[in-house]
Protein backbone atom coordinates (compact mmCIF):
# COMPACT_ATOMS: atom_id res chain seq x y z
CA MET A 1 0.63 -0.29 -50.09
CA ILE A 2 -0.84 3.15 -49.48
CA THR A 3 -4.15 3.61 -47.68
CA GLY A 4 -6.00 6.42 -46.03
CA GLY A 5 -5.23 7.09 -42.38
CA LEU A 6 -7.14 5.14 -39.76
CA PHE A 7 -9.98 6.78 -37.79
CA ASP A 8 -10.61 5.58 -34.22
CA LEU A 9 -14.08 6.53 -32.98
CA GLN A 10 -13.47 5.36 -29.41
CA VAL A 11 -10.21 6.02 -27.61
CA ASN A 12 -10.06 6.89 -23.90
CA GLY A 13 -6.29 7.23 -23.64
CA PHE A 14 -3.03 6.06 -25.14
CA ALA A 15 0.67 5.61 -24.40
CA GLY A 16 0.27 6.13 -20.67
CA VAL A 17 -1.95 9.20 -21.09
CA ASP A 18 -5.55 9.25 -19.82
CA PHE A 19 -7.83 11.51 -21.85
CA ASN A 20 -10.27 11.57 -18.89
CA ASP A 21 -7.65 13.23 -16.68
CA ALA A 22 -8.76 16.67 -15.44
CA GLY A 23 -5.06 17.59 -15.40
CA LEU A 24 -4.41 16.57 -19.01
CA THR A 25 -1.77 18.81 -20.61
CA PRO A 26 -1.11 19.62 -24.28
CA GLU A 27 2.34 18.05 -23.95
CA ALA A 28 0.95 14.75 -22.65
CA PHE A 29 -1.76 14.76 -25.29
CA ASP A 30 0.84 15.26 -28.03
CA ARG A 31 2.77 12.25 -26.72
CA ALA A 32 -0.37 10.14 -26.97
CA LEU A 33 -1.20 11.35 -30.47
CA ALA A 34 2.38 10.78 -31.63
CA GLY A 35 2.04 7.19 -30.47
CA MET A 36 -1.27 6.86 -32.28
CA LEU A 37 0.33 8.10 -35.49
CA GLU A 38 2.82 5.25 -35.20
CA THR A 39 -0.15 2.88 -35.29
CA GLY A 40 -1.61 4.50 -38.41
CA VAL A 41 -4.31 6.53 -36.65
CA THR A 42 -4.56 10.01 -38.14
CA LEU A 43 -8.04 10.86 -36.83
CA CYS A 44 -9.71 10.05 -33.53
CA LEU A 45 -12.57 10.94 -31.22
CA PRO A 46 -11.12 11.20 -27.69
CA THR A 47 -13.71 9.54 -25.47
CA LEU A 48 -14.89 10.57 -22.03
CA ILE A 49 -16.82 8.03 -19.98
CA THR A 50 -19.54 8.26 -17.34
CA ALA A 51 -19.16 10.87 -14.62
CA ASP A 52 -21.37 13.42 -12.89
CA GLU A 53 -22.00 16.67 -14.74
CA ALA A 54 -19.48 18.77 -12.82
CA THR A 55 -16.73 16.22 -13.39
CA LEU A 56 -17.58 15.88 -17.08
CA ALA A 57 -17.44 19.65 -17.52
CA VAL A 58 -13.98 19.83 -15.93
CA ARG A 59 -12.70 16.88 -17.96
CA PHE A 60 -14.03 18.27 -21.23
CA ARG A 61 -12.43 21.65 -20.59
CA ALA A 62 -9.09 20.00 -19.87
CA LEU A 63 -9.34 17.76 -22.93
CA ASP A 64 -10.37 20.63 -25.18
CA HIS A 65 -7.50 22.80 -23.92
CA ALA A 66 -5.06 19.96 -24.57
CA VAL A 67 -6.40 19.43 -28.09
CA ARG A 68 -6.41 23.13 -28.93
CA GLU A 69 -2.92 23.88 -27.60
CA SER A 70 -1.15 20.72 -28.72
CA ARG A 71 0.68 20.44 -32.02
CA LEU A 72 -1.14 17.37 -33.33
CA GLY A 73 -4.57 17.83 -31.77
CA PRO A 74 -5.90 20.37 -34.28
CA ARG A 75 -4.93 18.02 -37.13
CA MET A 76 -6.19 14.75 -35.64
CA VAL A 77 -9.23 15.55 -33.46
CA PRO A 78 -12.40 16.80 -35.16
CA GLY A 79 -14.49 16.33 -32.01
CA TYR A 80 -15.31 14.15 -29.04
CA HIS A 81 -17.17 11.00 -28.01
CA LEU A 82 -19.30 11.03 -24.85
CA GLU A 83 -19.86 7.45 -23.64
CA GLY A 84 -22.30 7.91 -20.76
CA PRO A 85 -23.66 8.86 -18.32
CA PHE A 86 -26.85 7.82 -20.14
CA LEU A 87 -26.16 4.09 -19.85
CA ASN A 88 -27.86 1.14 -18.17
CA PRO A 89 -26.70 1.03 -14.53
CA THR A 90 -27.64 -2.63 -14.07
CA GLU A 91 -24.85 -5.01 -13.07
CA GLY A 92 -23.17 -6.39 -16.19
CA TYR A 93 -24.37 -3.66 -18.54
CA ALA A 94 -22.58 -0.82 -16.76
CA GLY A 95 -19.18 -2.50 -17.09
CA CYS A 96 -16.46 -0.43 -15.41
CA HIS A 97 -18.49 2.79 -15.63
CA PRO A 98 -19.57 4.22 -12.25
CA ARG A 99 -23.18 3.09 -11.92
CA GLU A 100 -24.06 5.55 -9.16
CA VAL A 101 -23.89 8.60 -11.45
CA MET A 102 -25.74 7.17 -14.46
CA ILE A 103 -28.85 9.16 -15.36
CA PRO A 104 -31.56 9.20 -18.05
CA PRO A 105 -30.61 10.99 -21.28
CA ASP A 106 -30.49 14.78 -20.82
CA ILE A 107 -29.83 16.90 -23.91
CA ASP A 108 -29.46 20.03 -21.78
CA LEU A 109 -26.59 18.41 -19.85
CA VAL A 110 -24.81 17.78 -23.15
CA ALA A 111 -25.24 21.43 -24.12
CA ARG A 112 -23.90 22.59 -20.77
CA VAL A 113 -20.74 20.47 -20.79
CA GLU A 114 -20.14 21.29 -24.47
CA ALA A 115 -20.51 25.05 -23.99
CA GLY A 116 -17.30 26.93 -24.75
CA LEU A 117 -15.45 23.99 -26.29
CA SER A 118 -13.48 24.58 -29.49
CA ARG A 119 -14.73 21.28 -30.90
CA PRO A 120 -18.14 19.63 -30.67
CA ILE A 121 -19.22 16.40 -29.08
CA LEU A 122 -19.78 14.46 -32.29
CA LEU A 123 -20.75 11.03 -30.92
CA ILE A 124 -22.87 10.05 -27.91
CA THR A 125 -23.38 6.50 -26.64
CA LEU A 126 -26.56 5.79 -24.68
CA ALA A 127 -28.83 2.96 -23.56
CA PRO A 128 -32.13 3.53 -25.42
CA GLU A 129 -34.21 1.73 -22.77
CA GLN A 130 -33.65 4.75 -20.52
CA ALA A 131 -36.65 7.09 -20.16
CA GLY A 132 -36.76 9.91 -22.68
CA SER A 133 -34.18 8.38 -25.01
CA GLU A 134 -36.15 8.78 -28.24
CA SER A 135 -36.64 12.52 -27.83
CA PHE A 136 -32.98 12.80 -26.80
CA VAL A 137 -31.86 10.98 -29.95
CA ARG A 138 -33.93 13.24 -32.18
CA ALA A 139 -32.60 16.38 -30.51
CA ALA A 140 -29.00 15.15 -30.58
CA VAL A 141 -29.15 14.28 -34.28
CA GLU A 142 -30.73 17.65 -35.04
CA GLY A 143 -27.85 19.23 -33.12
CA GLY A 144 -25.23 17.57 -35.31
CA LYS A 145 -24.39 14.50 -33.28
CA ILE A 146 -24.24 10.81 -34.08
CA VAL A 147 -26.00 8.61 -31.52
CA ALA A 148 -24.88 5.07 -30.74
CA VAL A 149 -26.44 2.30 -28.68
CA GLY A 150 -24.22 0.87 -25.97
CA HIS A 151 -24.15 -0.59 -22.45
CA SER A 152 -27.76 -1.47 -23.10
CA SER A 153 -30.31 -4.18 -22.37
CA ALA A 154 -32.75 -2.83 -24.99
CA ASP A 155 -34.99 -5.34 -26.74
CA VAL A 156 -35.64 -5.45 -30.47
CA GLU A 157 -38.63 -3.10 -30.32
CA THR A 158 -36.70 -0.51 -28.32
CA ILE A 159 -33.70 -0.76 -30.62
CA GLY A 160 -36.01 -0.27 -33.60
CA ARG A 161 -37.59 2.85 -32.10
CA SER A 162 -34.15 4.27 -31.35
CA ALA A 163 -33.05 3.70 -34.95
CA THR A 164 -36.23 5.34 -36.20
CA ALA A 165 -35.45 8.33 -33.97
CA GLY A 166 -32.03 8.58 -35.59
CA ALA A 167 -29.53 6.31 -33.81
CA THR A 168 -27.08 4.91 -36.37
CA LEU A 169 -24.31 3.09 -34.49
CA SER A 170 -23.69 0.35 -31.93
CA THR A 171 -20.79 0.99 -29.55
CA HIS A 172 -18.38 -1.97 -29.09
CA LEU A 173 -21.11 -4.48 -29.95
CA GLY A 174 -20.76 -7.70 -27.97
CA ASN A 175 -19.50 -5.85 -24.89
CA GLY A 176 -21.28 -3.85 -22.21
CA ILE A 177 -23.84 -6.66 -22.11
CA ALA A 178 -24.57 -8.92 -19.14
CA GLN A 179 -23.13 -12.43 -19.22
CA THR A 180 -26.51 -14.04 -18.47
CA HIS A 181 -29.60 -13.20 -20.52
CA HIS A 182 -32.20 -14.81 -22.79
CA LYS A 183 -30.51 -16.73 -25.58
CA PHE A 184 -32.48 -14.97 -28.34
CA ALA A 185 -34.34 -12.00 -26.84
CA ASN A 186 -31.32 -9.90 -25.94
CA SER A 187 -29.70 -6.62 -26.92
CA LEU A 188 -26.91 -8.27 -28.89
CA PHE A 189 -29.30 -10.02 -31.28
CA ALA A 190 -31.52 -6.94 -31.39
CA GLN A 191 -28.64 -4.75 -32.55
CA LEU A 192 -27.24 -7.32 -34.96
CA SER A 193 -30.63 -7.62 -36.64
CA GLU A 194 -31.20 -3.86 -36.95
CA ASP A 195 -29.83 -2.96 -40.37
CA ARG A 196 -29.99 0.77 -39.65
CA LEU A 197 -27.23 0.41 -37.05
CA VAL A 198 -23.57 0.18 -38.05
CA ALA A 199 -21.63 -1.75 -35.41
CA THR A 200 -18.22 -1.01 -33.95
CA PHE A 201 -16.12 -3.95 -32.77
CA ILE A 202 -13.01 -4.32 -30.57
CA ALA A 203 -10.99 -6.92 -32.51
CA ASP A 204 -8.40 -7.82 -29.88
CA GLY A 205 -9.43 -11.45 -29.32
CA ILE A 206 -10.18 -10.56 -25.69
CA HIS A 207 -13.39 -8.57 -25.85
CA ILE A 208 -14.75 -10.91 -28.52
CA PRO A 209 -13.25 -14.31 -29.38
CA PRO A 210 -12.33 -14.50 -33.08
CA SER A 211 -14.95 -17.19 -33.73
CA ALA A 212 -17.70 -15.01 -32.23
CA LEU A 213 -16.48 -11.97 -34.14
CA LYS A 214 -16.65 -14.05 -37.33
CA VAL A 215 -20.34 -14.74 -36.69
CA MET A 216 -21.12 -11.13 -35.76
CA LEU A 217 -19.36 -9.73 -38.84
CA ARG A 218 -21.34 -12.12 -41.01
CA ALA A 219 -24.60 -11.16 -39.32
CA LYS A 220 -23.97 -7.41 -39.42
CA SER A 221 -22.02 -7.56 -42.73
CA LEU A 222 -18.61 -6.05 -43.33
CA ALA A 223 -20.28 -3.06 -44.98
CA ARG A 224 -21.98 -2.19 -41.68
CA SER A 225 -18.96 -2.81 -39.43
CA ILE A 226 -16.26 -0.56 -37.98
CA LEU A 227 -13.07 -1.38 -36.07
CA VAL A 228 -12.37 0.60 -32.90
CA THR A 229 -9.93 0.16 -30.03
CA ASP A 230 -11.66 1.49 -26.87
CA ALA A 231 -8.04 2.03 -25.86
CA VAL A 232 -7.09 3.38 -22.46
CA ALA A 233 -3.75 4.71 -21.18
CA ALA A 234 -2.50 1.11 -21.05
CA ALA A 235 -2.46 0.93 -24.86
CA TYR A 236 0.95 1.31 -26.51
CA ALA A 237 2.47 0.81 -23.06
CA PRO A 238 4.01 -2.09 -21.10
CA PRO A 239 2.11 -4.19 -18.54
CA GLY A 240 1.34 -2.38 -15.31
CA GLU A 241 -1.16 -0.04 -13.64
CA TYR A 242 -2.55 3.04 -15.38
CA PRO A 243 -5.04 5.83 -14.58
CA PHE A 244 -8.48 5.79 -16.18
CA ALA A 245 -11.18 8.34 -15.30
CA GLY A 246 -10.33 8.45 -11.62
CA MET A 247 -9.80 4.70 -11.43
CA VAL A 248 -6.72 2.52 -11.63
CA VAL A 249 -6.69 -0.19 -14.29
CA GLU A 250 -4.19 -2.97 -14.76
CA ARG A 251 -2.75 -4.24 -18.04
CA SER A 252 -1.63 -7.85 -17.86
CA GLY A 253 0.98 -9.53 -20.00
CA ASP A 254 -1.60 -10.79 -22.52
CA GLY A 255 -2.91 -7.26 -23.11
CA THR A 256 -6.07 -7.61 -21.04
CA VAL A 257 -7.04 -4.45 -19.14
CA ARG A 258 -9.18 -4.81 -16.02
CA LEU A 259 -10.02 -3.12 -12.79
CA PRO A 260 -7.70 -4.76 -10.23
CA ARG A 261 -9.27 -7.83 -8.62
CA SER A 262 -12.28 -7.53 -10.92
CA THR A 263 -13.71 -9.60 -13.74
CA TYR A 264 -14.73 -6.46 -15.64
CA LEU A 265 -12.74 -5.36 -18.66
CA ALA A 266 -11.82 -1.66 -18.49
CA GLY A 267 -11.17 -0.60 -22.06
CA SER A 268 -8.39 -2.21 -24.03
CA SER A 269 -4.70 -2.05 -24.89
CA LEU A 270 -5.48 -2.62 -28.56
CA THR A 271 -4.02 -0.44 -31.30
CA LEU A 272 -5.97 0.04 -34.51
CA ASP A 273 -3.25 -1.31 -36.79
CA ASP A 274 -3.24 -4.48 -34.68
CA ALA A 275 -7.02 -4.69 -35.11
CA VAL A 276 -6.54 -4.50 -38.88
CA ARG A 277 -3.91 -7.25 -38.81
CA ASN A 278 -5.99 -9.38 -36.45
CA VAL A 279 -9.09 -9.58 -38.63
CA VAL A 280 -6.92 -10.38 -41.64
CA ASP A 281 -4.84 -12.98 -39.78
CA TRP A 282 -8.01 -14.60 -38.39
CA GLY A 283 -9.31 -14.98 -41.96
CA LEU A 284 -12.33 -12.77 -41.36
CA CYS A 285 -11.72 -10.40 -44.26
CA THR A 286 -9.15 -9.14 -46.75
CA PHE A 287 -6.72 -6.32 -46.01
CA ASP A 288 -8.74 -3.93 -48.18
CA GLU A 289 -11.92 -4.86 -46.28
CA ALA A 290 -10.16 -4.33 -42.96
CA ILE A 291 -8.97 -0.89 -44.08
CA ALA A 292 -12.52 -0.04 -45.07
CA MET A 293 -13.64 -0.87 -41.53
CA ALA A 294 -10.90 1.33 -40.04
CA HIS A 295 -10.96 4.20 -42.54
CA ASP A 296 -13.88 4.42 -44.97
CA HIS A 297 -16.69 3.26 -42.69
CA PRO A 298 -15.91 5.45 -39.66
CA ILE A 299 -15.63 8.51 -41.92
CA ALA A 300 -18.95 7.65 -43.56
CA ALA A 301 -20.60 7.01 -40.18
CA MET A 302 -19.54 10.42 -38.87
CA GLN A 303 -20.20 12.36 -42.08
CA PRO A 304 -23.69 13.66 -41.16
CA ALA A 305 -22.34 15.21 -37.96
CA LEU A 306 -19.19 16.51 -39.63
CA ALA A 307 -21.23 18.15 -42.38
CA LYS A 308 -23.56 19.73 -39.83
CA HIS A 309 -20.58 21.42 -38.19
CA GLY A 310 -18.78 22.23 -41.45
CA ILE A 311 -15.83 19.99 -40.53
CA VAL A 312 -13.68 18.75 -43.41
CA LEU A 313 -11.33 15.89 -42.59
CA ASP A 314 -7.76 15.38 -43.76
CA PRO A 315 -7.15 11.68 -43.05
CA GLY A 316 -3.67 11.64 -44.55
CA GLU A 317 -2.10 8.41 -45.78
CA VAL A 318 -0.47 5.32 -44.36
CA GLU A 319 2.23 3.26 -46.08
CA TRP A 320 2.13 -0.44 -45.17
CA GLY A 321 4.77 -3.07 -45.81
CA PRO A 322 3.99 -6.52 -47.26
CA ASP A 323 3.84 -7.85 -43.68
CA LEU A 324 1.02 -5.33 -43.00
CA ARG A 325 3.30 -3.38 -40.68
CA ILE A 326 3.24 0.39 -40.96
CA ARG A 327 6.28 2.00 -42.52
CA GLN A 328 5.25 5.63 -42.37
CA VAL A 329 2.31 8.00 -42.04
CA MET A 330 1.76 11.17 -44.05
CA LEU A 331 -0.37 13.90 -42.48
CA ALA A 332 -0.72 17.59 -43.28
CA GLY A 333 2.43 17.58 -45.39
CA GLU A 334 4.59 15.86 -42.76
CA VAL A 335 5.97 12.32 -42.76
CA TYR A 336 6.03 10.27 -39.55
CA ARG A 337 8.08 7.10 -39.75
CA SER A 338 7.00 4.19 -37.60
CA ARG A 339 9.47 3.17 -34.92
CA ARG A 340 7.48 0.29 -33.47
CA GLN A 341 10.14 -2.16 -32.37
CA SER A 342 9.04 -3.86 -29.19
CA ALA A 343 6.24 -6.33 -28.63
CA ALA A 344 5.88 -4.72 -25.22
CA VAL A 345 4.05 -1.79 -26.77
CA THR A 346 1.90 -3.58 -29.32
C-alpha cells in the first residue's frame, strides 16, 4: 500500500535529540529527521515550548540554523510550532511547562523571536482565556499563522469567541487539562462541541485511554481529527533519561515520559506510524481513515498558513506492508528503507 507521507504538527524532539536545545546542531537534527523518516514522517513542525522571550529567541535561532544547514531539514520542515508561553499557568493546565514565565498573548513577542528566521512560525498554541487573546488570534491569522487552543481552562463562550476570531485547532485535546473540574462545563467539552476547531490527539494509550479516545473521535468526528505525537527526545529511543527544554524527562519501559518523581506527563515517546497502527488496532477507524488523520487533515489544517507564505509541500510517499509496517519512504527523489527492528525504539 502506498500513501502520502505523514505530517506531524507537534514534535519537540526525536531519537535522543531535543529540538528545544540551544546547542542543537545540524548533524543532530539530521539524525532525528532520519529516524522520523523511518516512522513514515516526511513533514513536521518542530515545536518549542514555554520559555521567556530571550530563551525562546536563542532556541529558535539554534533550531532554524539546524534546519537550514541540515540535509533533511529543508525538505521536511516548512515551519515551526510555538506551544506557549501564552498558556494557562494554573496547576494542572500548565502541565510540564514552566508556569513562572507564562504571559498573556503578545503578538509583538512572536514577531521578535521570529525575526531573521529562514522559516516562519506556522502554528501557535495558546489559552484563549488569557487577556487579549482574541486580538492576538486575529493578528496571528492575518500574519499567516494557524492558532490552536491548548493548556486551557476556557469555557464554551470563550472557546466560541476564539474560533470566531480565527482559531482553528485544538492542541492534544484531552491533555493539558486539570484532573478535577466540572463534569460538563469544562474546556474539554467546550472544544469537542466547537465544530470550527479541528482536534489533534496523542494516540499512545497513555495520554488518552483508547475507550476515551473512541468517544472523543466520535464527538469531534474523524473528519475533524488529526493524529500527532508530541514526541520528545525519548521517542525512538530506549528507556532512560533525556533532555527536554532545560529539563530532564524519564522514559519508562511502557513508553510513558514524565518529569522524574512527578505525575505530569512530559511529551511522549510515540511515533506517528505507531499512532496510525494504534487507532486501527483499537478498532477506532480504518487504515485509510487513520492515514487521513496523519496526512490529509494536517496538510489541510495548515494550508491557509502555508498559502500565506507561498510554501508548497512535497509530502513524498510511504510504502506499507500488509502488517501496516513501513517498508520504505520516498521523498524528493530518494528512497529511505525502514530498518525498524527493535521494540526498544518503537
